[in-house]
Amino acid sequence: MSKSGRPGVARNYTSARRHPWVLGKLGDWTIWFGPYTPAQLVVIGGGAFALIKGYDWWSWAGPIPVALWVGAVWAVRGAQIAGQNPFTAAFGALSLGMRHPAGRIGGRVAREKAPGVLRPRFVIQCAPTLATAVPATTPVPAVAGARVAALKPAARAAAGSGLARLLADAEQTERRSAA
């Protein structure tokens, strides 16, 4: 740290800031009223071509078309479309228009699978009997120090749905722990 007590300041600029994309500037020399962006150069070239080829159409208007041309060159100096310069935006729109409508998966055009024949199959089985559906003895978890007991299939068969069975099991466990 220096004696003045101020820390040094370091700045790092990207290459875009060090070398902006402008044309017509070499060192300290620039084109008249320049440097120009690529969008301005397109408007200058296209406008000059249109004014020269269409002189018969606009000659009656005097200098107004030329003034509009100069104004258009000035207007596009900082033109941006969605934060991009117009050429990048135009290239993006062009590539979007040329893309396959189905899109891409893994770099290849996504295509629908070829239609296939559906061959459904099913099996008819007899309904399981009560003896095979409910095991003969099912352990019940211990609740408040109660012993693990096995329920009889008859008690479970009377219960009906799974929730009714669960409530019946809990009621039975409470009775056993109270006894």
N, C-alpha and C. Protein backbone atom coordinates (compact mmCIF):
# COMPACT_ATOMS: atom_id res chain seq x y z
N MET A 1 0.84 -1.17 0.00
CA MET A 1 0.00 0.00 0.00
C MET A 1 0.89 1.24 0.00
N SER A 2 0.49 2.22 -0.77
CA SER A 2 1.31 3.43 -0.86
C SER A 2 1.11 4.31 0.37
N LYS A 3 1.89 5.35 0.46
CA LYS A 3 1.82 6.23 1.62
C LYS A 3 0.53 7.04 1.63
N SER A 4 -0.07 7.25 0.49
CA SER A 4 -1.29 8.06 0.45
C SER A 4 -2.49 7.31 1.03
N GLY A 5 -2.39 5.98 1.16
CA GLY A 5 -3.48 5.21 1.75
C GLY A 5 -4.56 4.80 0.77
N ARG A 6 -4.39 5.12 -0.51
CA ARG A 6 -5.39 4.74 -1.50
C ARG A 6 -4.94 3.45 -2.18
N PRO A 7 -5.82 2.45 -2.25
CA PRO A 7 -5.44 1.23 -2.96
C PRO A 7 -5.43 1.47 -4.47
N GLY A 8 -4.63 0.70 -5.17
CA GLY A 8 -4.59 0.80 -6.62
C GLY A 8 -5.85 0.24 -7.25
N VAL A 9 -6.20 0.74 -8.40
CA VAL A 9 -7.40 0.30 -9.11
C VAL A 9 -6.95 -0.43 -10.37
N ALA A 10 -7.48 -1.63 -10.55
CA ALA A 10 -7.17 -2.42 -11.76
C ALA A 10 -8.45 -2.62 -12.54
N ARG A 11 -8.37 -2.44 -13.83
CA ARG A 11 -9.55 -2.63 -14.70
C ARG A 11 -9.18 -3.63 -15.79
N ASN A 12 -10.15 -4.50 -16.11
CA ASN A 12 -9.94 -5.47 -17.16
C ASN A 12 -11.13 -5.38 -18.11
N TYR A 13 -10.86 -5.08 -19.36
CA TYR A 13 -11.92 -4.93 -20.34
C TYR A 13 -11.91 -6.14 -21.28
N THR A 14 -13.09 -6.53 -21.71
CA THR A 14 -13.19 -7.61 -22.68
C THR A 14 -12.69 -7.12 -24.04
N SER A 15 -12.46 -8.05 -24.93
CA SER A 15 -11.96 -7.66 -26.25
C SER A 15 -12.98 -6.81 -27.00
N ALA A 16 -14.26 -6.98 -26.71
CA ALA A 16 -15.29 -6.18 -27.37
C ALA A 16 -15.17 -4.71 -26.97
N ARG A 17 -14.76 -4.44 -25.75
CA ARG A 17 -14.58 -3.05 -25.33
C ARG A 17 -13.26 -2.49 -25.83
N ARG A 18 -12.24 -3.33 -25.87
CA ARG A 18 -10.95 -2.85 -26.35
C ARG A 18 -10.99 -2.60 -27.85
N HIS A 19 -11.71 -3.46 -28.59
CA HIS A 19 -11.77 -3.36 -30.04
C HIS A 19 -13.23 -3.44 -30.47
N PRO A 20 -13.99 -2.35 -30.35
CA PRO A 20 -15.40 -2.41 -30.75
C PRO A 20 -15.53 -2.68 -32.25
N TRP A 21 -16.67 -3.26 -32.63
CA TRP A 21 -16.88 -3.66 -34.01
C TRP A 21 -17.32 -2.45 -34.83
N VAL A 22 -16.37 -1.62 -35.21
CA VAL A 22 -16.65 -0.47 -36.06
C VAL A 22 -15.69 -0.52 -37.23
N LEU A 23 -16.10 0.09 -38.33
CA LEU A 23 -15.29 0.09 -39.54
C LEU A 23 -14.95 1.53 -39.90
N GLY A 24 -13.76 1.72 -40.38
CA GLY A 24 -13.36 3.05 -40.82
C GLY A 24 -12.48 3.76 -39.81
N LYS A 25 -11.86 3.02 -38.91
CA LYS A 25 -10.96 3.65 -37.95
C LYS A 25 -9.66 2.86 -37.92
N LEU A 26 -8.59 3.51 -38.24
CA LEU A 26 -7.26 2.90 -38.19
C LEU A 26 -6.38 3.80 -37.34
N GLY A 27 -6.08 3.36 -36.15
CA GLY A 27 -5.28 4.18 -35.25
C GLY A 27 -6.01 5.45 -34.91
N ASP A 28 -5.41 6.60 -35.25
CA ASP A 28 -6.05 7.90 -34.98
C ASP A 28 -6.83 8.42 -36.18
N TRP A 29 -6.73 7.75 -37.32
CA TRP A 29 -7.40 8.21 -38.52
C TRP A 29 -8.80 7.59 -38.63
N THR A 30 -9.79 8.39 -38.96
CA THR A 30 -11.15 7.88 -39.16
C THR A 30 -11.71 8.45 -40.47
N ILE A 31 -12.69 7.75 -41.02
CA ILE A 31 -13.40 8.23 -42.21
C ILE A 31 -14.22 9.44 -41.78
N TRP A 32 -14.54 10.34 -42.74
CA TRP A 32 -15.34 11.50 -42.41
C TRP A 32 -16.60 11.09 -41.69
N PHE A 33 -16.91 11.75 -40.65
CA PHE A 33 -18.10 11.53 -39.81
C PHE A 33 -18.15 10.11 -39.26
N GLY A 34 -17.04 9.39 -39.28
CA GLY A 34 -17.01 7.99 -38.84
C GLY A 34 -16.43 7.87 -37.45
N PRO A 35 -16.17 6.72 -36.97
CA PRO A 35 -16.28 5.42 -37.62
C PRO A 35 -17.74 4.98 -37.73
N TYR A 36 -17.97 4.01 -38.59
CA TYR A 36 -19.33 3.55 -38.87
C TYR A 36 -19.50 2.10 -38.41
N THR A 37 -20.70 1.81 -37.97
CA THR A 37 -21.02 0.43 -37.63
C THR A 37 -21.39 -0.30 -38.92
N PRO A 38 -21.37 -1.62 -38.91
CA PRO A 38 -21.76 -2.36 -40.12
C PRO A 38 -23.18 -2.03 -40.58
N ALA A 39 -24.10 -1.78 -39.65
CA ALA A 39 -25.47 -1.43 -40.04
C ALA A 39 -25.49 -0.11 -40.78
N GLN A 40 -24.67 0.85 -40.34
CA GLN A 40 -24.61 2.12 -41.03
C GLN A 40 -24.03 1.96 -42.44
N LEU A 41 -23.04 1.11 -42.58
CA LEU A 41 -22.46 0.89 -43.90
C LEU A 41 -23.45 0.26 -44.86
N VAL A 42 -24.29 -0.63 -44.36
CA VAL A 42 -25.32 -1.23 -45.21
C VAL A 42 -26.32 -0.17 -45.66
N VAL A 43 -26.73 0.70 -44.72
CA VAL A 43 -27.68 1.76 -45.08
C VAL A 43 -27.03 2.74 -46.05
N ILE A 44 -25.75 3.05 -45.86
CA ILE A 44 -25.05 3.96 -46.79
C ILE A 44 -25.01 3.33 -48.19
N GLY A 45 -24.57 2.08 -48.28
CA GLY A 45 -24.47 1.42 -49.58
C GLY A 45 -25.81 1.21 -50.24
N GLY A 46 -26.76 0.66 -49.48
CA GLY A 46 -28.09 0.40 -50.04
C GLY A 46 -28.82 1.67 -50.41
N GLY A 47 -28.69 2.70 -49.57
CA GLY A 47 -29.34 3.97 -49.86
C GLY A 47 -28.75 4.65 -51.07
N ALA A 48 -27.41 4.61 -51.18
CA ALA A 48 -26.77 5.23 -52.34
C ALA A 48 -27.20 4.52 -53.62
N PHE A 49 -27.26 3.20 -53.57
CA PHE A 49 -27.70 2.43 -54.74
C PHE A 49 -29.14 2.78 -55.11
N ALA A 50 -30.02 2.85 -54.11
CA ALA A 50 -31.43 3.15 -54.37
C ALA A 50 -31.60 4.58 -54.89
N LEU A 51 -30.84 5.53 -54.34
CA LEU A 51 -30.96 6.91 -54.81
C LEU A 51 -30.46 7.07 -56.24
N ILE A 52 -29.39 6.37 -56.57
CA ILE A 52 -28.86 6.48 -57.94
C ILE A 52 -29.80 5.82 -58.94
N LYS A 53 -30.27 4.60 -58.63
CA LYS A 53 -31.14 3.88 -59.56
C LYS A 53 -32.54 4.50 -59.66
N GLY A 54 -32.99 5.12 -58.57
CA GLY A 54 -34.35 5.68 -58.58
C GLY A 54 -34.39 7.18 -58.74
N TYR A 55 -33.39 7.74 -59.35
CA TYR A 55 -33.32 9.19 -59.50
C TYR A 55 -34.54 9.75 -60.23
N ASP A 56 -35.05 9.04 -61.20
CA ASP A 56 -36.22 9.52 -61.95
C ASP A 56 -37.45 9.63 -61.06
N TRP A 57 -37.54 8.81 -60.04
CA TRP A 57 -38.71 8.82 -59.17
C TRP A 57 -38.66 9.93 -58.13
N TRP A 58 -37.48 10.23 -57.61
CA TRP A 58 -37.40 11.19 -56.51
C TRP A 58 -36.83 12.54 -56.89
N SER A 59 -36.43 12.73 -58.11
CA SER A 59 -35.78 14.00 -58.51
C SER A 59 -36.70 15.21 -58.30
N TRP A 60 -37.99 15.05 -58.41
CA TRP A 60 -38.94 16.15 -58.24
C TRP A 60 -38.97 16.63 -56.78
N ALA A 61 -38.51 15.78 -55.79
CA ALA A 61 -38.60 16.14 -54.38
C ALA A 61 -37.41 16.95 -53.90
N GLY A 62 -36.43 17.16 -54.73
CA GLY A 62 -35.27 17.96 -54.35
C GLY A 62 -34.36 17.20 -53.39
N PRO A 63 -33.83 17.89 -52.37
CA PRO A 63 -32.87 17.24 -51.47
C PRO A 63 -33.52 16.43 -50.34
N ILE A 64 -34.82 16.33 -50.29
CA ILE A 64 -35.49 15.64 -49.18
C ILE A 64 -35.10 14.16 -49.11
N PRO A 65 -35.11 13.40 -50.21
CA PRO A 65 -34.69 11.99 -50.12
C PRO A 65 -33.25 11.82 -49.64
N VAL A 66 -32.36 12.74 -50.05
CA VAL A 66 -30.96 12.65 -49.61
C VAL A 66 -30.89 12.93 -48.11
N ALA A 67 -31.66 13.90 -47.64
CA ALA A 67 -31.69 14.20 -46.20
C ALA A 67 -32.26 13.01 -45.41
N LEU A 68 -33.27 12.36 -45.96
CA LEU A 68 -33.82 11.17 -45.30
C LEU A 68 -32.79 10.04 -45.26
N TRP A 69 -32.03 9.92 -46.31
CA TRP A 69 -30.97 8.91 -46.36
C TRP A 69 -29.91 9.18 -45.28
N VAL A 70 -29.46 10.42 -45.17
CA VAL A 70 -28.48 10.79 -44.15
C VAL A 70 -29.07 10.58 -42.76
N GLY A 71 -30.33 10.92 -42.58
CA GLY A 71 -31.00 10.68 -41.29
C GLY A 71 -31.10 9.20 -40.94
N ALA A 72 -31.32 8.37 -41.96
CA ALA A 72 -31.39 6.92 -41.72
C ALA A 72 -30.03 6.38 -41.31
N VAL A 73 -28.97 6.90 -41.93
CA VAL A 73 -27.61 6.47 -41.56
C VAL A 73 -27.34 6.85 -40.11
N TRP A 74 -27.73 8.04 -39.72
CA TRP A 74 -27.54 8.49 -38.34
C TRP A 74 -28.40 7.66 -37.38
N ALA A 75 -29.62 7.30 -37.78
CA ALA A 75 -30.55 6.60 -36.88
C ALA A 75 -30.10 5.18 -36.56
N VAL A 76 -29.40 4.52 -37.48
CA VAL A 76 -29.02 3.12 -37.23
C VAL A 76 -27.66 3.01 -36.55
N ARG A 77 -27.09 4.10 -36.08
CA ARG A 77 -25.76 4.05 -35.49
C ARG A 77 -25.70 3.17 -34.26
N GLY A 78 -26.75 3.11 -33.48
CA GLY A 78 -26.75 2.26 -32.28
C GLY A 78 -27.92 1.29 -32.31
N ALA A 79 -28.32 0.89 -33.51
CA ALA A 79 -29.49 0.03 -33.65
C ALA A 79 -29.24 -1.33 -33.01
N GLN A 80 -30.22 -1.76 -32.22
CA GLN A 80 -30.17 -3.07 -31.61
C GLN A 80 -31.56 -3.68 -31.66
N ILE A 81 -31.59 -4.98 -31.89
CA ILE A 81 -32.85 -5.72 -31.89
C ILE A 81 -32.72 -6.77 -30.80
N ALA A 82 -33.48 -6.62 -29.74
CA ALA A 82 -33.42 -7.53 -28.60
C ALA A 82 -32.00 -7.63 -28.05
N GLY A 83 -31.30 -6.49 -27.98
CA GLY A 83 -29.96 -6.46 -27.43
C GLY A 83 -28.86 -6.94 -28.37
N GLN A 84 -29.18 -7.23 -29.61
CA GLN A 84 -28.19 -7.71 -30.58
C GLN A 84 -28.11 -6.72 -31.73
N ASN A 85 -26.97 -6.75 -32.41
CA ASN A 85 -26.89 -5.88 -33.58
C ASN A 85 -27.79 -6.46 -34.67
N PRO A 86 -28.22 -5.65 -35.61
CA PRO A 86 -29.20 -6.11 -36.60
C PRO A 86 -28.75 -7.31 -37.42
N PHE A 87 -27.46 -7.46 -37.69
CA PHE A 87 -27.00 -8.58 -38.49
C PHE A 87 -27.12 -9.89 -37.72
N THR A 88 -26.79 -9.86 -36.45
CA THR A 88 -26.94 -11.06 -35.62
C THR A 88 -28.41 -11.42 -35.49
N ALA A 89 -29.27 -10.41 -35.30
CA ALA A 89 -30.70 -10.67 -35.20
C ALA A 89 -31.26 -11.23 -36.50
N ALA A 90 -30.80 -10.68 -37.65
CA ALA A 90 -31.26 -11.20 -38.95
C ALA A 90 -30.78 -12.62 -39.17
N PHE A 91 -29.54 -12.92 -38.78
CA PHE A 91 -29.03 -14.28 -38.90
C PHE A 91 -29.83 -15.24 -38.02
N GLY A 92 -30.18 -14.81 -36.82
CA GLY A 92 -30.99 -15.65 -35.93
C GLY A 92 -32.37 -15.91 -36.50
N ALA A 93 -32.99 -14.87 -37.08
CA ALA A 93 -34.31 -15.05 -37.70
C ALA A 93 -34.22 -15.97 -38.91
N LEU A 94 -33.16 -15.83 -39.69
CA LEU A 94 -32.97 -16.69 -40.86
C LEU A 94 -32.76 -18.14 -40.44
N SER A 95 -31.92 -18.37 -39.43
CA SER A 95 -31.69 -19.75 -38.99
C SER A 95 -32.94 -20.34 -38.35
N LEU A 96 -33.75 -19.50 -37.68
CA LEU A 96 -35.01 -19.98 -37.12
C LEU A 96 -35.97 -20.39 -38.23
N GLY A 97 -36.00 -19.63 -39.31
CA GLY A 97 -36.87 -19.96 -40.43
C GLY A 97 -36.43 -21.20 -41.18
N MET A 98 -35.14 -21.51 -41.17
CA MET A 98 -34.62 -22.66 -41.90
C MET A 98 -34.63 -23.95 -41.07
N ARG A 99 -34.92 -23.85 -39.78
CA ARG A 99 -34.91 -25.04 -38.94
C ARG A 99 -36.06 -25.97 -39.29
N HIS A 100 -35.87 -27.23 -39.02
CA HIS A 100 -36.93 -28.22 -39.24
C HIS A 100 -38.03 -27.98 -38.21
N PRO A 101 -39.28 -28.04 -38.60
CA PRO A 101 -40.37 -27.74 -37.66
C PRO A 101 -40.44 -28.71 -36.48
N ALA A 102 -39.96 -29.93 -36.66
CA ALA A 102 -40.03 -30.90 -35.56
C ALA A 102 -38.93 -30.68 -34.54
N GLY A 103 -37.91 -29.89 -34.88
CA GLY A 103 -36.81 -29.64 -33.95
C GLY A 103 -35.73 -30.69 -34.08
N ARG A 104 -34.82 -30.68 -33.12
CA ARG A 104 -33.68 -31.61 -33.14
C ARG A 104 -33.54 -32.27 -31.79
N ILE A 105 -33.10 -33.51 -31.83
CA ILE A 105 -32.78 -34.26 -30.63
C ILE A 105 -31.39 -34.84 -30.84
N GLY A 106 -30.44 -34.44 -30.02
CA GLY A 106 -29.08 -34.94 -30.15
C GLY A 106 -28.44 -34.55 -31.47
N GLY A 107 -28.81 -33.40 -32.03
CA GLY A 107 -28.21 -32.95 -33.28
C GLY A 107 -28.87 -33.50 -34.53
N ARG A 108 -29.79 -34.44 -34.37
CA ARG A 108 -30.48 -35.01 -35.54
C ARG A 108 -31.93 -34.53 -35.55
N VAL A 109 -32.51 -34.47 -36.75
CA VAL A 109 -33.89 -34.04 -36.88
C VAL A 109 -34.80 -35.02 -36.15
N ALA A 110 -35.67 -34.48 -35.31
CA ALA A 110 -36.61 -35.32 -34.57
C ALA A 110 -37.73 -35.75 -35.50
N ARG A 111 -37.94 -37.04 -35.59
CA ARG A 111 -38.99 -37.57 -36.45
C ARG A 111 -39.93 -38.44 -35.62
N GLU A 112 -41.17 -38.51 -36.06
CA GLU A 112 -42.12 -39.38 -35.37
C GLU A 112 -41.79 -40.82 -35.69
N LYS A 113 -42.07 -41.69 -34.73
CA LYS A 113 -41.82 -43.11 -34.97
C LYS A 113 -42.83 -43.64 -35.98
N ALA A 114 -42.41 -44.64 -36.71
CA ALA A 114 -43.29 -45.25 -37.70
C ALA A 114 -44.45 -45.93 -36.98
N PRO A 115 -45.64 -45.87 -37.56
CA PRO A 115 -46.77 -46.51 -36.90
C PRO A 115 -46.56 -48.02 -36.83
N GLY A 116 -46.97 -48.59 -35.72
CA GLY A 116 -46.84 -50.03 -35.53
C GLY A 116 -48.18 -50.65 -35.18
N VAL A 117 -48.24 -51.96 -35.29
CA VAL A 117 -49.47 -52.69 -34.99
C VAL A 117 -49.53 -52.92 -33.48
N LEU A 118 -50.67 -52.59 -32.90
CA LEU A 118 -50.87 -52.79 -31.47
C LEU A 118 -51.50 -54.16 -31.28
N ARG A 119 -50.85 -55.01 -30.51
CA ARG A 119 -51.37 -56.36 -30.24
C ARG A 119 -51.64 -56.50 -28.75
N PRO A 120 -52.81 -56.07 -28.33
CA PRO A 120 -53.10 -56.16 -26.90
C PRO A 120 -53.35 -57.62 -26.49
N ARG A 121 -52.94 -57.93 -25.28
CA ARG A 121 -53.17 -59.27 -24.72
C ARG A 121 -53.64 -59.12 -23.29
N PHE A 122 -54.49 -60.02 -22.87
CA PHE A 122 -54.93 -60.01 -21.49
C PHE A 122 -55.15 -61.45 -21.04
N VAL A 123 -55.13 -61.63 -19.73
CA VAL A 123 -55.28 -62.96 -19.13
C VAL A 123 -56.44 -62.90 -18.14
N ILE A 124 -57.32 -63.88 -18.21
CA ILE A 124 -58.43 -63.96 -17.26
C ILE A 124 -58.03 -64.96 -16.19
N GLN A 125 -58.03 -64.51 -14.94
CA GLN A 125 -57.72 -65.38 -13.81
C GLN A 125 -58.90 -65.40 -12.87
N CYS A 126 -58.99 -66.46 -12.13
CA CYS A 126 -60.03 -66.54 -11.11
C CYS A 126 -59.66 -65.62 -9.96
N ALA A 127 -60.68 -65.10 -9.29
CA ALA A 127 -60.44 -64.23 -8.14
C ALA A 127 -59.82 -65.04 -7.02
N PRO A 128 -58.86 -64.46 -6.28
CA PRO A 128 -58.24 -65.21 -5.19
C PRO A 128 -59.25 -65.44 -4.07
N THR A 129 -59.13 -66.58 -3.45
CA THR A 129 -60.03 -66.88 -2.33
C THR A 129 -59.55 -66.12 -1.11
N LEU A 130 -60.39 -66.05 -0.11
CA LEU A 130 -60.07 -65.31 1.10
C LEU A 130 -58.88 -65.91 1.82
N ALA A 131 -58.75 -67.23 1.79
CA ALA A 131 -57.65 -67.88 2.49
C ALA A 131 -56.30 -67.52 1.85
N THR A 132 -56.27 -67.35 0.53
CA THR A 132 -55.01 -67.01 -0.12
C THR A 132 -54.77 -65.50 -0.11
N ALA A 133 -55.83 -64.69 -0.01
CA ALA A 133 -55.68 -63.24 -0.01
C ALA A 133 -55.12 -62.73 1.31
N VAL A 134 -55.54 -63.35 2.43
CA VAL A 134 -55.10 -62.90 3.75
C VAL A 134 -54.28 -64.01 4.38
N PRO A 135 -53.05 -63.73 4.75
CA PRO A 135 -52.25 -64.78 5.38
C PRO A 135 -52.86 -65.23 6.71
N ALA A 136 -52.54 -66.46 7.09
CA ALA A 136 -53.13 -67.03 8.32
C ALA A 136 -52.74 -66.24 9.55
N THR A 137 -51.52 -65.85 9.67
CA THR A 137 -51.10 -65.06 10.84
C THR A 137 -50.31 -63.86 10.35
N THR A 138 -50.67 -62.72 10.85
CA THR A 138 -49.97 -61.49 10.50
C THR A 138 -49.50 -60.83 11.78
N PRO A 139 -48.21 -60.55 11.89
CA PRO A 139 -47.76 -59.91 13.13
C PRO A 139 -48.26 -58.47 13.22
N VAL A 140 -48.61 -58.05 14.40
CA VAL A 140 -49.08 -56.70 14.66
C VAL A 140 -47.97 -55.97 15.41
N PRO A 141 -47.64 -54.76 15.05
CA PRO A 141 -46.57 -54.06 15.77
C PRO A 141 -46.94 -53.82 17.23
N ALA A 142 -45.93 -53.81 18.06
CA ALA A 142 -46.16 -53.61 19.49
C ALA A 142 -46.55 -52.17 19.75
N VAL A 143 -47.59 -51.98 20.56
CA VAL A 143 -48.06 -50.65 20.91
C VAL A 143 -48.04 -50.53 22.41
N ALA A 144 -47.30 -49.60 22.94
CA ALA A 144 -47.23 -49.30 24.37
C ALA A 144 -46.95 -50.55 25.21
N GLY A 145 -45.96 -51.31 24.82
CA GLY A 145 -45.53 -52.46 25.63
C GLY A 145 -46.36 -53.71 25.42
N ALA A 146 -47.32 -53.69 24.49
CA ALA A 146 -48.13 -54.89 24.27
C ALA A 146 -47.31 -55.93 23.54
N ARG A 147 -47.66 -57.16 23.74
CA ARG A 147 -46.97 -58.24 23.06
C ARG A 147 -47.43 -58.32 21.62
N VAL A 148 -46.53 -58.79 20.77
CA VAL A 148 -46.88 -58.98 19.37
C VAL A 148 -47.79 -60.18 19.30
N ALA A 149 -48.97 -59.99 18.71
CA ALA A 149 -49.95 -61.08 18.65
C ALA A 149 -50.30 -61.34 17.19
N ALA A 150 -50.77 -62.50 16.96
CA ALA A 150 -51.21 -62.87 15.62
C ALA A 150 -52.72 -62.81 15.57
N LEU A 151 -53.24 -62.20 14.50
CA LEU A 151 -54.68 -62.11 14.34
C LEU A 151 -55.18 -63.34 13.61
N LYS A 152 -56.37 -63.73 13.92
CA LYS A 152 -56.99 -64.85 13.24
C LYS A 152 -57.57 -64.39 11.92
N PRO A 153 -57.59 -65.24 10.91
CA PRO A 153 -58.15 -64.85 9.63
C PRO A 153 -59.61 -64.48 9.73
N ALA A 154 -60.36 -65.05 10.62
CA ALA A 154 -61.79 -64.75 10.73
C ALA A 154 -62.00 -63.31 11.15
N ALA A 155 -61.15 -62.79 12.03
CA ALA A 155 -61.29 -61.40 12.46
C ALA A 155 -60.99 -60.44 11.31
N ARG A 156 -60.03 -60.80 10.48
CA ARG A 156 -59.68 -59.95 9.36
C ARG A 156 -60.74 -60.02 8.27
N ALA A 157 -61.33 -61.16 8.05
CA ALA A 157 -62.32 -61.32 6.99
C ALA A 157 -63.53 -60.46 7.27
N ALA A 158 -63.85 -60.24 8.53
CA ALA A 158 -65.02 -59.45 8.86
C ALA A 158 -64.78 -57.96 8.64
N ALA A 159 -63.53 -57.56 8.54
CA ALA A 159 -63.22 -56.14 8.49
C ALA A 159 -63.65 -55.49 7.17
N GLY A 160 -63.44 -56.08 6.03
CA GLY A 160 -63.84 -55.48 4.75
C GLY A 160 -62.70 -54.77 4.08
N SER A 161 -62.76 -53.43 3.99
CA SER A 161 -61.74 -52.66 3.27
C SER A 161 -60.45 -52.57 4.09
N GLY A 162 -59.41 -52.08 3.46
CA GLY A 162 -58.12 -51.95 4.12
C GLY A 162 -58.19 -51.02 5.31
N LEU A 163 -58.93 -49.90 5.19
CA LEU A 163 -59.05 -48.96 6.30
C LEU A 163 -59.84 -49.58 7.44
N ALA A 164 -60.91 -50.29 7.11
CA ALA A 164 -61.70 -50.95 8.16
C ALA A 164 -60.86 -52.00 8.86
N ARG A 165 -60.04 -52.73 8.10
CA ARG A 165 -59.14 -53.72 8.69
C ARG A 165 -58.13 -53.07 9.62
N LEU A 166 -57.57 -51.95 9.20
CA LEU A 166 -56.60 -51.24 10.02
C LEU A 166 -57.22 -50.76 11.32
N LEU A 167 -58.43 -50.22 11.23
CA LEU A 167 -59.11 -49.77 12.44
C LEU A 167 -59.45 -50.96 13.36
N ALA A 168 -59.86 -52.07 12.76
CA ALA A 168 -60.17 -53.26 13.57
C ALA A 168 -58.91 -53.79 14.26
N ASP A 169 -57.78 -53.77 13.56
CA ASP A 169 -56.52 -54.21 14.16
C ASP A 169 -56.12 -53.31 15.31
N ALA A 170 -56.28 -52.02 15.13
CA ALA A 170 -55.92 -51.07 16.18
C ALA A 170 -56.83 -51.26 17.38
N GLU A 171 -58.11 -51.50 17.15
CA GLU A 171 -59.05 -51.71 18.25
C GLU A 171 -58.72 -52.96 19.02
N GLN A 172 -58.38 -54.03 18.29
CA GLN A 172 -58.02 -55.29 18.92
C GLN A 172 -56.74 -55.13 19.75
N THR A 173 -55.79 -54.38 19.23
CA THR A 173 -54.54 -54.17 19.95
C THR A 173 -54.78 -53.38 21.23
N GLU A 174 -55.68 -52.42 21.18
CA GLU A 174 -56.01 -51.64 22.37
C GLU A 174 -56.67 -52.52 23.43
N ARG A 175 -57.54 -53.40 22.98
CA ARG A 175 -58.20 -54.30 23.94
C ARG A 175 -57.18 -55.20 24.61
N ARG A 176 -56.24 -55.71 23.84
CA ARG A 176 -55.22 -56.60 24.41
C ARG A 176 -54.30 -55.86 25.38
N SER A 177 -53.97 -54.60 25.03
CA SER A 177 -53.08 -53.88 25.94
C SER A 177 -53.81 -53.47 27.21
N ALA A 178 -55.11 -53.26 27.14
CA ALA A 178 -55.88 -52.92 28.35
C ALA A 178 -56.09 -54.12 29.25
N ALA A 179 -56.09 -55.32 28.70
CA ALA A 179 -56.36 -56.51 29.51
C ALA A 179 -55.17 -56.99 30.29
